[in-house]
Amino acid sequence: VSLHAFHRADGSPGVVAAWNDLKLQRPVSASWKGGVFTSWTAPYTLSSGSDGPSGDVSVFGRGEATYAVWEDARGTNPPAYLPQRLYMAASEDGGLAWSVDSALVVIDSDNIGSDPGGNVDASGALLVA
């Protein structure tokens, strides 16, 4: 499970949680809208891929701007599902709505490693490793 905690524009707290759904083999997320801790959104499937497993999701951000990055094996050959690629989705409202996922351009695409993560620097640039 990966968490991104923040304050919404109105000052209320928020949290985005992301995890790998083992049944779907896809990364999913849910967002806490503040108030009663039971006020979470329904799980949202981040990956639009359907022909290979996805996993190792990480969420990060600055304020309500939230990003999810994960390993994705769509378009690869089973059973090894290699080489995997990194995919990403973005939310500008603390995980209440997400962009369509897209592949990241990786300099060494044959060696992406595992367990991707990220951060947003002071200028707003995304840093993914």
N, C-alpha and C. Protein backbone atom coordinates (compact mmCIF):
# COMPACT_ATOMS: atom_id res chain seq x y z
N VAL A 1 0.85 -1.18 0.00
CA VAL A 1 0.00 0.00 0.00
C VAL A 1 0.89 1.24 0.00
N SER A 2 0.51 2.21 -0.79
CA SER A 2 1.22 3.48 -0.86
C SER A 2 0.23 4.59 -0.50
N LEU A 3 0.68 5.59 0.27
CA LEU A 3 -0.20 6.67 0.73
C LEU A 3 0.37 8.03 0.37
N HIS A 4 -0.53 8.96 0.03
CA HIS A 4 -0.18 10.37 -0.15
C HIS A 4 -1.15 11.16 0.72
N ALA A 5 -0.65 11.80 1.79
CA ALA A 5 -1.47 12.62 2.68
C ALA A 5 -1.24 14.09 2.35
N PHE A 6 -2.29 14.90 2.44
CA PHE A 6 -2.20 16.30 2.03
C PHE A 6 -3.34 17.09 2.65
N HIS A 7 -3.32 18.40 2.44
CA HIS A 7 -4.44 19.27 2.80
C HIS A 7 -5.09 19.75 1.51
N ARG A 8 -6.40 19.69 1.46
CA ARG A 8 -7.15 20.18 0.31
C ARG A 8 -7.14 21.72 0.31
N ALA A 9 -7.58 22.30 -0.79
CA ALA A 9 -7.57 23.76 -0.93
C ALA A 9 -8.38 24.44 0.18
N ASP A 10 -9.42 23.76 0.68
CA ASP A 10 -10.24 24.34 1.75
C ASP A 10 -9.65 24.10 3.14
N GLY A 11 -8.46 23.47 3.21
CA GLY A 11 -7.79 23.23 4.48
C GLY A 11 -8.10 21.88 5.11
N SER A 12 -9.07 21.16 4.57
CA SER A 12 -9.41 19.86 5.13
C SER A 12 -8.37 18.82 4.73
N PRO A 13 -8.20 17.79 5.57
CA PRO A 13 -7.20 16.77 5.24
C PRO A 13 -7.70 15.83 4.15
N GLY A 14 -6.76 15.21 3.46
CA GLY A 14 -7.09 14.21 2.44
C GLY A 14 -5.99 13.16 2.38
N VAL A 15 -6.34 11.99 1.91
CA VAL A 15 -5.39 10.90 1.74
C VAL A 15 -5.76 10.14 0.48
N VAL A 16 -4.76 9.79 -0.32
CA VAL A 16 -4.94 8.86 -1.43
C VAL A 16 -4.17 7.60 -1.09
N ALA A 17 -4.83 6.46 -1.19
CA ALA A 17 -4.19 5.16 -0.98
C ALA A 17 -4.20 4.42 -2.31
N ALA A 18 -3.12 3.73 -2.60
CA ALA A 18 -3.04 2.92 -3.82
C ALA A 18 -2.46 1.56 -3.44
N TRP A 19 -2.96 0.52 -4.09
CA TRP A 19 -2.49 -0.83 -3.82
C TRP A 19 -2.70 -1.68 -5.06
N ASN A 20 -2.08 -2.85 -5.05
CA ASN A 20 -2.23 -3.78 -6.16
C ASN A 20 -3.38 -4.73 -5.85
N ASP A 21 -4.41 -4.70 -6.67
CA ASP A 21 -5.53 -5.63 -6.52
C ASP A 21 -5.07 -6.98 -7.08
N LEU A 22 -4.91 -7.95 -6.21
CA LEU A 22 -4.36 -9.24 -6.63
C LEU A 22 -5.29 -10.01 -7.56
N LYS A 23 -6.60 -9.82 -7.42
CA LYS A 23 -7.54 -10.51 -8.30
C LYS A 23 -7.51 -9.91 -9.70
N LEU A 24 -7.53 -8.58 -9.79
CA LEU A 24 -7.51 -7.90 -11.08
C LEU A 24 -6.12 -7.85 -11.69
N GLN A 25 -5.09 -7.99 -10.88
CA GLN A 25 -3.69 -7.77 -11.28
C GLN A 25 -3.52 -6.38 -11.87
N ARG A 26 -4.11 -5.40 -11.18
CA ARG A 26 -4.07 -4.01 -11.60
C ARG A 26 -3.91 -3.11 -10.38
N PRO A 27 -3.26 -1.96 -10.52
CA PRO A 27 -3.20 -1.01 -9.43
C PRO A 27 -4.53 -0.28 -9.29
N VAL A 28 -4.96 -0.07 -8.05
CA VAL A 28 -6.20 0.64 -7.77
C VAL A 28 -5.93 1.71 -6.72
N SER A 29 -6.83 2.67 -6.63
CA SER A 29 -6.68 3.73 -5.63
C SER A 29 -8.04 4.06 -5.04
N ALA A 30 -8.00 4.69 -3.88
CA ALA A 30 -9.18 5.25 -3.24
C ALA A 30 -8.74 6.51 -2.52
N SER A 31 -9.66 7.45 -2.37
CA SER A 31 -9.34 8.74 -1.76
C SER A 31 -10.24 8.99 -0.57
N TRP A 32 -9.62 9.45 0.52
CA TRP A 32 -10.39 9.85 1.71
C TRP A 32 -10.74 11.31 1.55
N LYS A 33 -12.03 11.61 1.68
CA LYS A 33 -12.52 12.95 1.42
C LYS A 33 -12.55 13.84 2.66
N GLY A 34 -11.96 13.38 3.76
CA GLY A 34 -11.97 14.16 5.00
C GLY A 34 -13.22 13.84 5.80
N GLY A 35 -13.29 14.38 7.02
CA GLY A 35 -14.44 14.11 7.88
C GLY A 35 -14.37 12.71 8.45
N VAL A 36 -15.49 12.02 8.45
CA VAL A 36 -15.56 10.67 8.99
C VAL A 36 -14.60 9.78 8.22
N PHE A 37 -13.79 8.99 8.96
CA PHE A 37 -12.76 8.21 8.27
C PHE A 37 -13.34 7.11 7.39
N THR A 38 -14.63 6.90 7.42
CA THR A 38 -15.26 5.92 6.54
C THR A 38 -15.67 6.55 5.20
N SER A 39 -15.36 7.82 4.99
CA SER A 39 -15.79 8.50 3.75
C SER A 39 -14.73 8.38 2.66
N TRP A 40 -14.48 7.14 2.23
CA TRP A 40 -13.54 6.86 1.14
C TRP A 40 -14.30 6.70 -0.17
N THR A 41 -13.66 7.04 -1.26
CA THR A 41 -14.24 6.78 -2.57
C THR A 41 -14.18 5.28 -2.86
N ALA A 42 -14.96 4.84 -3.80
CA ALA A 42 -14.87 3.44 -4.24
C ALA A 42 -13.52 3.24 -4.91
N PRO A 43 -12.94 2.03 -4.83
CA PRO A 43 -11.66 1.78 -5.52
C PRO A 43 -11.77 2.06 -7.02
N TYR A 44 -10.74 2.70 -7.55
CA TYR A 44 -10.67 3.05 -8.96
C TYR A 44 -9.47 2.33 -9.59
N THR A 45 -9.68 1.63 -10.68
CA THR A 45 -8.60 0.93 -11.37
C THR A 45 -7.80 1.94 -12.19
N LEU A 46 -6.52 2.09 -11.85
CA LEU A 46 -5.66 3.08 -12.50
C LEU A 46 -5.20 2.64 -13.89
N SER A 47 -4.94 1.35 -14.07
CA SER A 47 -4.40 0.85 -15.33
C SER A 47 -5.51 0.49 -16.31
N SER A 48 -5.40 0.99 -17.53
CA SER A 48 -6.38 0.64 -18.57
C SER A 48 -5.94 -0.58 -19.37
N GLY A 49 -4.75 -1.10 -19.08
CA GLY A 49 -4.24 -2.27 -19.79
C GLY A 49 -5.04 -3.52 -19.45
N SER A 50 -5.09 -4.46 -20.40
CA SER A 50 -5.85 -5.69 -20.15
C SER A 50 -5.10 -6.94 -20.58
N ASP A 51 -3.89 -6.80 -21.09
CA ASP A 51 -3.21 -7.98 -21.64
C ASP A 51 -1.89 -8.28 -20.95
N GLY A 52 -1.78 -8.02 -19.69
CA GLY A 52 -0.59 -8.32 -18.90
C GLY A 52 -0.77 -7.74 -17.52
N PRO A 53 -0.12 -8.33 -16.51
CA PRO A 53 -0.30 -7.83 -15.15
C PRO A 53 0.38 -6.49 -14.92
N SER A 54 -0.13 -5.77 -13.94
CA SER A 54 0.44 -4.51 -13.49
C SER A 54 0.68 -4.61 -12.00
N GLY A 55 1.61 -3.83 -11.49
CA GLY A 55 1.84 -3.87 -10.05
C GLY A 55 2.84 -2.86 -9.57
N ASP A 56 3.21 -3.00 -8.30
CA ASP A 56 4.17 -2.12 -7.64
C ASP A 56 3.81 -0.64 -7.82
N VAL A 57 2.60 -0.28 -7.40
CA VAL A 57 2.12 1.09 -7.55
C VAL A 57 2.62 1.96 -6.40
N SER A 58 2.89 3.22 -6.72
CA SER A 58 3.29 4.22 -5.74
C SER A 58 2.53 5.51 -6.03
N VAL A 59 2.04 6.18 -4.98
CA VAL A 59 1.38 7.48 -5.14
C VAL A 59 2.22 8.54 -4.43
N PHE A 60 2.21 9.74 -5.00
CA PHE A 60 2.97 10.85 -4.44
C PHE A 60 2.35 12.12 -4.98
N GLY A 61 2.74 13.26 -4.46
CA GLY A 61 2.21 14.51 -4.99
C GLY A 61 2.59 15.71 -4.16
N ARG A 62 1.96 16.81 -4.48
CA ARG A 62 2.11 18.07 -3.76
C ARG A 62 0.71 18.65 -3.63
N GLY A 63 0.22 18.74 -2.41
CA GLY A 63 -1.16 19.17 -2.20
C GLY A 63 -2.11 18.18 -2.86
N GLU A 64 -3.17 18.71 -3.47
CA GLU A 64 -4.16 17.84 -4.13
C GLU A 64 -3.65 17.23 -5.43
N ALA A 65 -2.60 17.80 -6.02
CA ALA A 65 -2.03 17.23 -7.25
C ALA A 65 -1.37 15.91 -6.88
N THR A 66 -1.94 14.81 -7.36
CA THR A 66 -1.51 13.47 -6.97
C THR A 66 -1.15 12.68 -8.22
N TYR A 67 -0.13 11.87 -8.12
CA TYR A 67 0.36 11.07 -9.24
C TYR A 67 0.53 9.62 -8.78
N ALA A 68 0.25 8.70 -9.67
CA ALA A 68 0.46 7.27 -9.42
C ALA A 68 1.37 6.75 -10.52
N VAL A 69 2.34 5.95 -10.15
CA VAL A 69 3.26 5.33 -11.11
C VAL A 69 3.36 3.85 -10.76
N TRP A 70 3.42 3.00 -11.80
CA TRP A 70 3.47 1.56 -11.57
C TRP A 70 4.14 0.86 -12.73
N GLU A 71 4.53 -0.40 -12.46
CA GLU A 71 5.06 -1.27 -13.50
C GLU A 71 3.89 -1.89 -14.24
N ASP A 72 4.01 -2.00 -15.56
CA ASP A 72 2.92 -2.52 -16.37
C ASP A 72 3.49 -3.42 -17.45
N ALA A 73 2.91 -4.59 -17.60
CA ALA A 73 3.43 -5.58 -18.56
C ALA A 73 2.55 -5.71 -19.79
N ARG A 74 1.68 -4.74 -20.06
CA ARG A 74 0.82 -4.85 -21.25
C ARG A 74 1.67 -4.93 -22.51
N GLY A 75 1.25 -5.79 -23.41
CA GLY A 75 1.95 -5.94 -24.67
C GLY A 75 3.20 -6.81 -24.60
N THR A 76 3.46 -7.43 -23.46
CA THR A 76 4.64 -8.29 -23.32
C THR A 76 4.23 -9.75 -23.43
N ASN A 77 5.20 -10.63 -23.42
CA ASN A 77 4.93 -12.05 -23.63
C ASN A 77 4.95 -12.84 -22.33
N PRO A 78 3.86 -13.59 -22.05
CA PRO A 78 3.88 -14.44 -20.87
C PRO A 78 4.80 -15.62 -21.10
N PRO A 79 5.29 -16.32 -20.11
CA PRO A 79 4.95 -16.10 -18.71
C PRO A 79 5.83 -15.07 -18.02
N ALA A 80 6.92 -14.64 -18.63
CA ALA A 80 7.84 -13.70 -17.95
C ALA A 80 7.31 -12.27 -17.93
N TYR A 81 6.50 -11.88 -18.92
CA TYR A 81 5.96 -10.52 -19.02
C TYR A 81 7.08 -9.48 -18.99
N LEU A 82 8.09 -9.65 -19.82
CA LEU A 82 9.20 -8.72 -19.88
C LEU A 82 9.39 -8.20 -21.29
N PRO A 83 9.91 -7.02 -21.52
CA PRO A 83 10.24 -6.05 -20.49
C PRO A 83 9.01 -5.26 -20.06
N GLN A 84 8.92 -4.93 -18.80
CA GLN A 84 7.82 -4.11 -18.31
C GLN A 84 8.11 -2.65 -18.59
N ARG A 85 7.05 -1.84 -18.55
CA ARG A 85 7.20 -0.41 -18.74
C ARG A 85 6.61 0.29 -17.53
N LEU A 86 6.93 1.56 -17.36
CA LEU A 86 6.33 2.36 -16.31
C LEU A 86 5.16 3.13 -16.89
N TYR A 87 4.05 3.12 -16.17
CA TYR A 87 2.87 3.89 -16.55
C TYR A 87 2.52 4.85 -15.42
N MET A 88 1.76 5.87 -15.77
CA MET A 88 1.43 6.91 -14.80
C MET A 88 0.04 7.46 -15.05
N ALA A 89 -0.62 7.88 -13.98
CA ALA A 89 -1.90 8.60 -14.06
C ALA A 89 -1.81 9.77 -13.10
N ALA A 90 -2.58 10.82 -13.36
CA ALA A 90 -2.54 12.03 -12.54
C ALA A 90 -3.93 12.42 -12.08
N SER A 91 -3.99 13.06 -10.92
CA SER A 91 -5.24 13.59 -10.38
C SER A 91 -4.96 14.99 -9.87
N GLU A 92 -5.79 15.93 -10.22
CA GLU A 92 -5.63 17.31 -9.74
C GLU A 92 -6.51 17.60 -8.52
N ASP A 93 -7.32 16.61 -8.10
CA ASP A 93 -8.26 16.85 -7.00
C ASP A 93 -8.11 15.83 -5.87
N GLY A 94 -6.88 15.38 -5.63
CA GLY A 94 -6.64 14.47 -4.53
C GLY A 94 -7.22 13.09 -4.73
N GLY A 95 -7.20 12.60 -5.96
CA GLY A 95 -7.63 11.23 -6.24
C GLY A 95 -9.11 11.03 -6.44
N LEU A 96 -9.88 12.11 -6.51
CA LEU A 96 -11.32 11.96 -6.76
C LEU A 96 -11.59 11.62 -8.22
N ALA A 97 -10.76 12.11 -9.12
CA ALA A 97 -10.83 11.78 -10.56
C ALA A 97 -9.40 11.64 -11.06
N TRP A 98 -9.20 10.73 -12.04
CA TRP A 98 -7.86 10.44 -12.55
C TRP A 98 -7.81 10.62 -14.06
N SER A 99 -6.64 10.99 -14.56
CA SER A 99 -6.41 11.05 -16.00
C SER A 99 -6.32 9.63 -16.55
N VAL A 100 -6.40 9.52 -17.87
CA VAL A 100 -6.13 8.25 -18.53
C VAL A 100 -4.66 7.95 -18.33
N ASP A 101 -4.34 6.69 -18.05
CA ASP A 101 -2.94 6.33 -17.84
C ASP A 101 -2.14 6.40 -19.14
N SER A 102 -0.83 6.65 -19.00
CA SER A 102 0.04 6.71 -20.17
C SER A 102 1.42 6.19 -19.80
N ALA A 103 2.12 5.67 -20.80
CA ALA A 103 3.46 5.15 -20.59
C ALA A 103 4.44 6.29 -20.40
N LEU A 104 5.40 6.10 -19.50
CA LEU A 104 6.48 7.07 -19.32
C LEU A 104 7.62 6.71 -20.26
N VAL A 105 8.31 7.71 -20.75
CA VAL A 105 9.50 7.47 -21.56
C VAL A 105 10.65 7.23 -20.58
N VAL A 106 11.27 6.07 -20.71
CA VAL A 106 12.37 5.69 -19.82
C VAL A 106 13.64 5.58 -20.66
N ILE A 107 14.71 6.19 -20.19
CA ILE A 107 15.95 6.21 -20.96
C ILE A 107 16.47 4.80 -21.22
N ASP A 108 16.51 3.96 -20.20
CA ASP A 108 16.98 2.58 -20.33
C ASP A 108 15.78 1.66 -20.20
N SER A 109 15.01 1.52 -21.27
CA SER A 109 13.73 0.80 -21.20
C SER A 109 13.89 -0.69 -20.99
N ASP A 110 15.10 -1.24 -21.15
CA ASP A 110 15.30 -2.67 -20.89
C ASP A 110 15.65 -2.95 -19.44
N ASN A 111 15.79 -1.91 -18.65
CA ASN A 111 16.19 -2.11 -17.26
C ASN A 111 15.52 -1.07 -16.38
N ILE A 112 14.19 -1.20 -16.19
CA ILE A 112 13.47 -0.20 -15.41
C ILE A 112 13.53 -0.45 -13.92
N GLY A 113 14.05 -1.60 -13.50
CA GLY A 113 14.08 -1.90 -12.08
C GLY A 113 12.70 -2.30 -11.59
N SER A 114 12.48 -2.13 -10.30
CA SER A 114 11.18 -2.47 -9.75
C SER A 114 10.85 -1.49 -8.64
N ASP A 115 9.62 -1.56 -8.19
CA ASP A 115 9.13 -0.69 -7.11
C ASP A 115 9.34 0.79 -7.42
N PRO A 116 8.72 1.29 -8.48
CA PRO A 116 8.92 2.70 -8.82
C PRO A 116 8.35 3.62 -7.75
N GLY A 117 8.87 4.82 -7.68
CA GLY A 117 8.39 5.83 -6.75
C GLY A 117 8.60 7.19 -7.36
N GLY A 118 8.11 8.21 -6.71
CA GLY A 118 8.27 9.54 -7.25
C GLY A 118 8.14 10.62 -6.21
N ASN A 119 8.37 11.84 -6.66
CA ASN A 119 8.24 13.01 -5.82
C ASN A 119 8.00 14.20 -6.73
N VAL A 120 7.52 15.29 -6.16
CA VAL A 120 7.33 16.54 -6.87
C VAL A 120 8.25 17.56 -6.23
N ASP A 121 9.16 18.15 -7.02
CA ASP A 121 10.08 19.12 -6.42
C ASP A 121 9.41 20.48 -6.26
N ALA A 122 10.13 21.43 -5.70
CA ALA A 122 9.57 22.75 -5.38
C ALA A 122 9.08 23.49 -6.62
N SER A 123 9.66 23.20 -7.79
CA SER A 123 9.23 23.88 -9.01
C SER A 123 8.02 23.19 -9.65
N GLY A 124 7.61 22.04 -9.11
CA GLY A 124 6.48 21.29 -9.67
C GLY A 124 6.89 20.20 -10.63
N ALA A 125 8.20 20.00 -10.83
CA ALA A 125 8.67 18.94 -11.73
C ALA A 125 8.47 17.58 -11.07
N LEU A 126 8.06 16.61 -11.87
CA LEU A 126 7.89 15.24 -11.38
C LEU A 126 9.21 14.50 -11.49
N LEU A 127 9.57 13.80 -10.43
CA LEU A 127 10.77 13.00 -10.39
C LEU A 127 10.35 11.57 -10.14
N VAL A 128 10.64 10.67 -11.09
CA VAL A 128 10.24 9.27 -10.98
C VAL A 128 11.48 8.40 -11.05
N ALA A 129 11.58 7.47 -10.14
CA ALA A 129 12.73 6.56 -10.12
C ALA A 129 12.23 5.14 -9.94
